[in-house]
C-alpha atoms as a PDB file:
ATOM      1  CA  MET A   1      -7.083   2.271  22.873  1.00  0.00           C
ATOM      2  CA  ILE A   2     -10.318   0.416  23.628  1.00  0.00           C
ATOM      3  CA  LYS A   3      -8.375  -2.856  23.940  1.00  0.00           C
ATOM      4  CA  LEU A   4      -6.029  -1.262  26.474  1.00  0.00           C
ATOM      5  CA  ILE A   5      -8.924   0.039  28.555  1.00  0.00           C
ATOM      6  CA  SER A   6     -10.644  -3.362  28.394  1.00  0.00           C
ATOM      7  CA  VAL A   7      -7.468  -5.125  29.529  1.00  0.00           C
ATOM      8  CA  LEU A   8      -6.988  -2.657  32.387  1.00  0.00           C
ATOM      9  CA  ILE A   9     -10.602  -3.085  33.532  1.00  0.00           C
ATOM     10  CA  PHE A  10     -10.187  -6.868  33.428  1.00  0.00           C
ATOM     11  CA  ILE A  11      -6.958  -6.754  35.467  1.00  0.00           C
ATOM     12  CA  PHE A  12      -8.515  -4.356  37.972  1.00  0.00           C
ATOM     13  CA  SER A  13     -11.572  -6.633  38.336  1.00  0.00           C
ATOM     14  CA  VAL A  14      -9.419  -9.702  38.923  1.00  0.00           C
ATOM     15  CA  LEU A  15      -7.412  -7.888  41.577  1.00  0.00           C
ATOM     16  CA  ILE A  16     -10.493  -6.590  43.376  1.00  0.00           C
ATOM     17  CA  PHE A  17     -12.354  -9.912  43.355  1.00  0.00           C
ATOM     18  CA  GLY A  18      -9.212 -11.828  44.267  1.00  0.00           C
ATOM     19  CA  ALA A  19      -8.542  -9.596  47.263  1.00  0.00           C
ATOM     20  CA  CYS A  20     -12.121  -9.996  48.475  1.00  0.00           C
ATOM     21  CA  SER A  21     -12.306 -13.757  48.102  1.00  0.00           C
ATOM     22  CA  ARG A  22     -12.629 -16.009  51.120  1.00  0.00           C
ATOM     23  CA  LYS A  23      -9.280 -17.048  52.554  1.00  0.00           C
ATOM     24  CA  ILE A  24      -8.739 -20.755  53.027  1.00  0.00           C
ATOM     25  CA  THR A  25      -6.492 -21.865  55.839  1.00  0.00           C
ATOM     26  CA  PRO A  26      -4.303 -24.900  55.342  1.00  0.00           C
ATOM     27  CA  THR A  27      -5.549 -27.809  57.396  1.00  0.00           C
ATOM     28  CA  LYS A  28      -3.493 -30.745  56.266  1.00  0.00           C
ATOM     29  CA  THR A  29      -4.148 -33.881  58.221  1.00  0.00           C
ATOM     30  CA  THR A  30      -1.552 -36.373  57.215  1.00  0.00           C
ATOM     31  CA  VAL A  31      -0.961 -39.683  58.866  1.00  0.00           C
ATOM     32  CA  GLU A  32       1.414 -42.481  58.180  1.00  0.00           C
ATOM     33  CA  ALA A  33       0.033 -45.982  58.519  1.00  0.00           C
ATOM     34  CA  LYS A  34       2.282 -48.856  59.471  1.00  0.00           C
ATOM     35  CA  GLU A  35       0.968 -52.344  58.897  1.00  0.00           C
ATOM     36  CA  ASN A  36       1.239 -54.835  61.738  1.00  0.00           C
ATOM     37  CA  SER A  37       1.451 -58.562  61.144  1.00  0.00           C
ATOM     38  CA  ASP A  38      -2.228 -59.047  62.045  1.00  0.00           C
ATOM     39  CA  LYS A  39      -3.306 -56.505  59.371  1.00  0.00           C
ATOM     40  CA  ASN A  40      -4.165 -53.819  61.922  1.00  0.00           C
ATOM     41  CA  TYR A  41      -2.731 -50.382  61.365  1.00  0.00           C
ATOM     42  CA  THR A  42      -0.959 -48.057  63.750  1.00  0.00           C
ATOM     43  CA  VAL A  43      -1.418 -44.383  63.050  1.00  0.00           C
ATOM     44  CA  VAL A  44       1.705 -42.257  63.470  1.00  0.00           C
ATOM     45  CA  LEU A  45       0.782 -38.609  63.901  1.00  0.00           C
ATOM     46  CA  SER A  46       2.963 -35.787  62.695  1.00  0.00           C
ATOM     47  CA  SER A  47       3.973 -32.926  64.955  1.00  0.00           C
ATOM     48  CA  ARG A  48       4.792 -30.868  61.849  1.00  0.00           C
ATOM     49  CA  TYR A  49       1.211 -30.981  60.605  1.00  0.00           C
ATOM     50  CA  GLY A  50       0.032 -30.325  64.142  1.00  0.00           C
ATOM     51  CA  LYS A  51       1.981 -27.069  64.137  1.00  0.00           C
ATOM     52  CA  GLU A  52       0.483 -26.038  60.792  1.00  0.00           C
ATOM     53  CA  THR A  53      -3.030 -26.833  62.010  1.00  0.00           C
ATOM     54  CA  TYR A  54      -2.428 -25.103  65.356  1.00  0.00           C
ATOM     55  CA  GLU A  55      -1.220 -21.937  63.663  1.00  0.00           C
ATOM     56  CA  ALA A  56      -3.942 -21.952  60.985  1.00  0.00           C
ATOM     57  CA  LYS A  57      -7.007 -22.978  62.980  1.00  0.00           C
ATOM     58  CA  CYS A  58      -6.212 -21.697  66.484  1.00  0.00           C
ATOM     59  CA  GLY A  59      -4.438 -18.574  65.275  1.00  0.00           C
ATOM     60  CA  ASN A  60      -7.433 -17.764  63.102  1.00  0.00           C
ATOM     61  CA  CYS A  61      -9.443 -16.609  66.155  1.00  0.00           C
ATOM     62  CA  HIS A  62      -6.929 -15.439  68.749  1.00  0.00           C
ATOM     63  CA  ASN A  63      -3.266 -14.929  69.567  1.00  0.00           C
ATOM     64  CA  LEU A  64      -1.490 -18.221  70.022  1.00  0.00           C
ATOM     65  CA  ASN A  65      -0.042 -19.388  73.294  1.00  0.00           C
ATOM     66  CA  LYS A  66       3.413 -20.862  73.095  1.00  0.00           C
ATOM     67  CA  PRO A  67       3.219 -24.629  73.599  1.00  0.00           C
ATOM     68  CA  SER A  68       5.797 -24.213  76.380  1.00  0.00           C
ATOM     69  CA  ASN A  69       3.365 -22.032  78.372  1.00  0.00           C
ATOM     70  CA  TYR A  70       1.624 -25.173  79.649  1.00  0.00           C
ATOM     71  CA  THR A  71       2.463 -28.767  80.453  1.00  0.00           C
ATOM     72  CA  PHE A  72       0.937 -31.448  78.262  1.00  0.00           C
ATOM     73  CA  THR A  73      -1.423 -32.332  81.122  1.00  0.00           C
ATOM     74  CA  GLU A  74      -2.608 -28.716  81.177  1.00  0.00           C
ATOM     75  CA  TRP A  75      -3.037 -28.647  77.386  1.00  0.00           C
ATOM     76  CA  ASN A  76      -5.469 -31.606  77.322  1.00  0.00           C
ATOM     77  CA  PRO A  77      -8.554 -29.850  78.790  1.00  0.00           C
ATOM     78  CA  ILE A  78      -7.750 -26.722  76.777  1.00  0.00           C
ATOM     79  CA  MET A  79      -7.674 -28.777  73.578  1.00  0.00           C
ATOM     80  CA  ASP A  80     -10.867 -30.635  74.490  1.00  0.00           C
ATOM     81  CA  ARG A  81     -12.682 -27.305  74.788  1.00  0.00           C
ATOM     82  CA  MET A  82     -11.054 -25.449  71.901  1.00  0.00           C
ATOM     83  CA  ALA A  83     -11.012 -28.261  69.309  1.00  0.00           C
ATOM     84  CA  LYS A  84     -14.804 -28.053  69.127  1.00  0.00           C
ATOM     85  CA  LYS A  85     -14.699 -24.283  68.581  1.00  0.00           C
ATOM     86  CA  ALA A  86     -11.994 -24.632  65.905  1.00  0.00           C
ATOM     87  CA  ASP A  87     -13.972 -27.427  64.220  1.00  0.00           C
ATOM     88  CA  LEU A  88     -11.004 -29.812  64.268  1.00  0.00           C
ATOM     89  CA  ASP A  89     -11.607 -33.357  63.134  1.00  0.00           C
ATOM     90  CA  TYR A  90     -10.172 -36.248  65.141  1.00  0.00           C
ATOM     91  CA  LEU A  91      -6.876 -36.469  63.245  1.00  0.00           C
ATOM     92  CA  GLN A  92      -6.327 -32.715  63.269  1.00  0.00           C
ATOM     93  CA  LYS A  93      -6.848 -32.674  67.036  1.00  0.00           C
ATOM     94  CA  GLN A  94      -4.436 -35.584  67.512  1.00  0.00           C
ATOM     95  CA  ASN A  95      -1.801 -33.889  65.336  1.00  0.00           C
ATOM     96  CA  VAL A  96      -2.125 -30.655  67.324  1.00  0.00           C
ATOM     97  CA  LEU A  97      -1.849 -32.630  70.573  1.00  0.00           C
ATOM     98  CA  GLY A  98       1.284 -34.292  69.179  1.00  0.00           C
ATOM     99  CA  TYR A  99       2.770 -30.887  68.414  1.00  0.00           C
ATOM    100  CA  LEU A 100       1.852 -29.546  71.849  1.00  0.00           C
ATOM    101  CA  LYS A 101       3.230 -32.655  73.574  1.00  0.00           C
ATOM    102  CA  ASP A 102       6.540 -32.336  71.750  1.00  0.00           C
ATOM    103  CA  ASN A 103       6.851 -28.674  72.725  1.00  0.00           C
ATOM    104  CA  ALA A 104       5.069 -28.433  76.081  1.00  0.00           C
ATOM    105  CA  LYS A 105       6.602 -27.293  79.346  1.00  0.00           C
ATOM    106  CA  ALA A 106       8.125 -30.136  81.349  1.00  0.00           C
ATOM    107  CA  GLU A 107       5.867 -31.775  83.932  1.00  0.00           C
ATOM    108  CA  LYS A 108       6.736 -31.013  87.552  1.00  0.00           C
END
Protein backbone atom coordinates (compact mmCIF):
# COMPACT_ATOMS: atom_id res chain seq x y z
CA MET A 1 0.00 0.00 0.00
CA ILE A 2 2.84 2.38 0.84
CA LYS A 3 4.46 1.66 -2.54
CA LEU A 4 1.21 2.53 -4.32
CA ILE A 5 0.90 5.82 -2.44
CA SER A 6 4.56 6.64 -3.16
CA VAL A 7 4.08 5.94 -6.87
CA LEU A 8 0.93 8.07 -6.99
CA ILE A 9 2.68 10.97 -5.22
CA PHE A 10 5.59 10.71 -7.67
CA ILE A 11 3.27 10.71 -10.71
CA PHE A 12 1.28 13.63 -9.30
CA SER A 13 4.51 15.60 -8.66
CA VAL A 14 5.77 14.99 -12.19
CA LEU A 15 2.47 16.14 -13.65
CA ILE A 16 2.34 19.29 -11.53
CA PHE A 17 5.96 20.30 -12.17
CA GLY A 18 5.69 19.43 -15.85
CA ALA A 19 2.60 21.58 -16.29
CA CYS A 20 4.28 24.52 -14.56
CA SER A 21 7.55 24.35 -16.46
CA ARG A 22 8.58 27.10 -18.83
CA LYS A 23 7.33 26.55 -22.37
CA ILE A 24 9.94 26.71 -25.10
CA THR A 25 8.85 27.91 -28.50
CA PRO A 26 10.41 26.36 -31.57
CA THR A 27 12.73 28.80 -33.28
CA LYS A 28 14.47 26.79 -35.93
CA THR A 29 16.72 28.84 -38.13
CA THR A 30 17.80 26.63 -40.95
CA VAL A 31 19.68 27.76 -43.99
CA GLU A 32 21.02 25.95 -46.97
CA ALA A 33 24.43 27.02 -48.20
CA LYS A 34 25.37 26.67 -51.83
CA GLU A 35 29.03 26.92 -52.71
CA ASN A 36 30.02 29.22 -55.55
CA SER A 37 33.13 28.65 -57.62
CA ASP A 38 35.03 31.37 -55.73
CA LYS A 39 34.34 29.65 -52.37
CA ASN A 40 31.76 32.23 -51.30
CA TYR A 41 28.45 30.96 -50.05
CA THR A 42 24.94 32.00 -50.95
CA VAL A 43 22.39 31.61 -48.19
CA VAL A 44 19.01 30.27 -49.30
CA LEU A 45 16.36 31.08 -46.72
CA SER A 46 13.38 28.87 -46.07
CA SER A 47 9.84 30.21 -46.07
CA ARG A 48 8.76 27.11 -44.12
CA TYR A 49 10.99 27.97 -41.17
CA GLY A 50 9.91 31.58 -41.48
CA LYS A 51 6.31 30.50 -40.94
CA GLU A 52 7.27 28.45 -37.87
CA THR A 53 9.24 31.36 -36.42
CA TYR A 54 6.47 33.85 -37.26
CA GLU A 55 3.85 31.73 -35.53
CA ALA A 56 6.04 30.91 -32.51
CA LYS A 57 7.73 34.25 -31.84
CA CYS A 58 5.19 36.77 -33.14
CA GLY A 59 2.17 34.77 -32.03
CA ASN A 60 3.66 34.51 -28.56
CA CYS A 61 2.73 38.15 -27.80
CA HIS A 62 -0.27 38.99 -29.96
CA ASN A 63 -2.73 37.73 -32.55
CA LEU A 64 -1.07 37.21 -35.89
CA ASN A 65 -1.86 39.23 -38.97
CA LYS A 66 -2.29 37.24 -42.14
CA PRO A 67 0.71 37.82 -44.41
CA SER A 68 -1.77 38.80 -47.14
CA ASN A 69 -2.99 41.75 -45.03
CA TYR A 70 0.01 43.80 -46.20
CA THR A 71 2.27 44.08 -49.21
CA PHE A 72 5.89 43.07 -48.78
CA THR A 73 6.84 46.76 -48.88
CA GLU A 74 4.46 47.39 -45.98
CA TRP A 75 5.82 44.41 -44.03
CA ASN A 76 9.43 45.68 -44.03
CA PRO A 77 9.04 48.54 -41.50
CA ILE A 78 6.75 46.37 -39.38
CA MET A 79 9.40 43.65 -39.27
CA ASP A 80 12.18 46.14 -38.52
CA ARG A 81 10.26 47.32 -35.46
CA MET A 82 8.87 43.98 -34.27
CA ALA A 83 11.96 41.80 -34.83
CA LYS A 84 13.70 43.66 -32.01
CA LYS A 85 10.76 43.10 -29.66
CA ALA A 86 10.58 39.40 -30.59
CA ASP A 87 14.35 39.06 -30.13
CA LEU A 88 14.83 37.55 -33.59
CA ASP A 89 18.36 36.96 -34.76
CA TYR A 90 19.38 37.93 -38.29
CA LEU A 91 18.55 34.57 -39.89
CA GLN A 92 15.23 34.25 -38.10
CA LYS A 93 14.25 37.72 -39.32
CA GLN A 94 15.29 36.88 -42.88
CA ASN A 95 13.32 33.61 -42.80
CA VAL A 96 10.21 35.43 -41.54
CA LEU A 97 10.65 38.06 -44.26
CA GLY A 98 10.92 35.23 -46.80
CA TYR A 99 7.67 33.75 -45.53
CA LEU A 100 5.93 37.13 -45.58
CA LYS A 101 7.24 37.90 -49.07
CA ASP A 102 5.95 34.59 -50.40
CA ASN A 103 2.51 35.20 -48.90
CA ALA A 104 2.11 38.99 -48.96
CA LYS A 105 -0.60 40.92 -50.75
CA ALA A 106 0.33 41.84 -54.31
CA GLU A 107 1.95 45.25 -54.80
CA LYS A 108 -0.25 47.85 -56.50
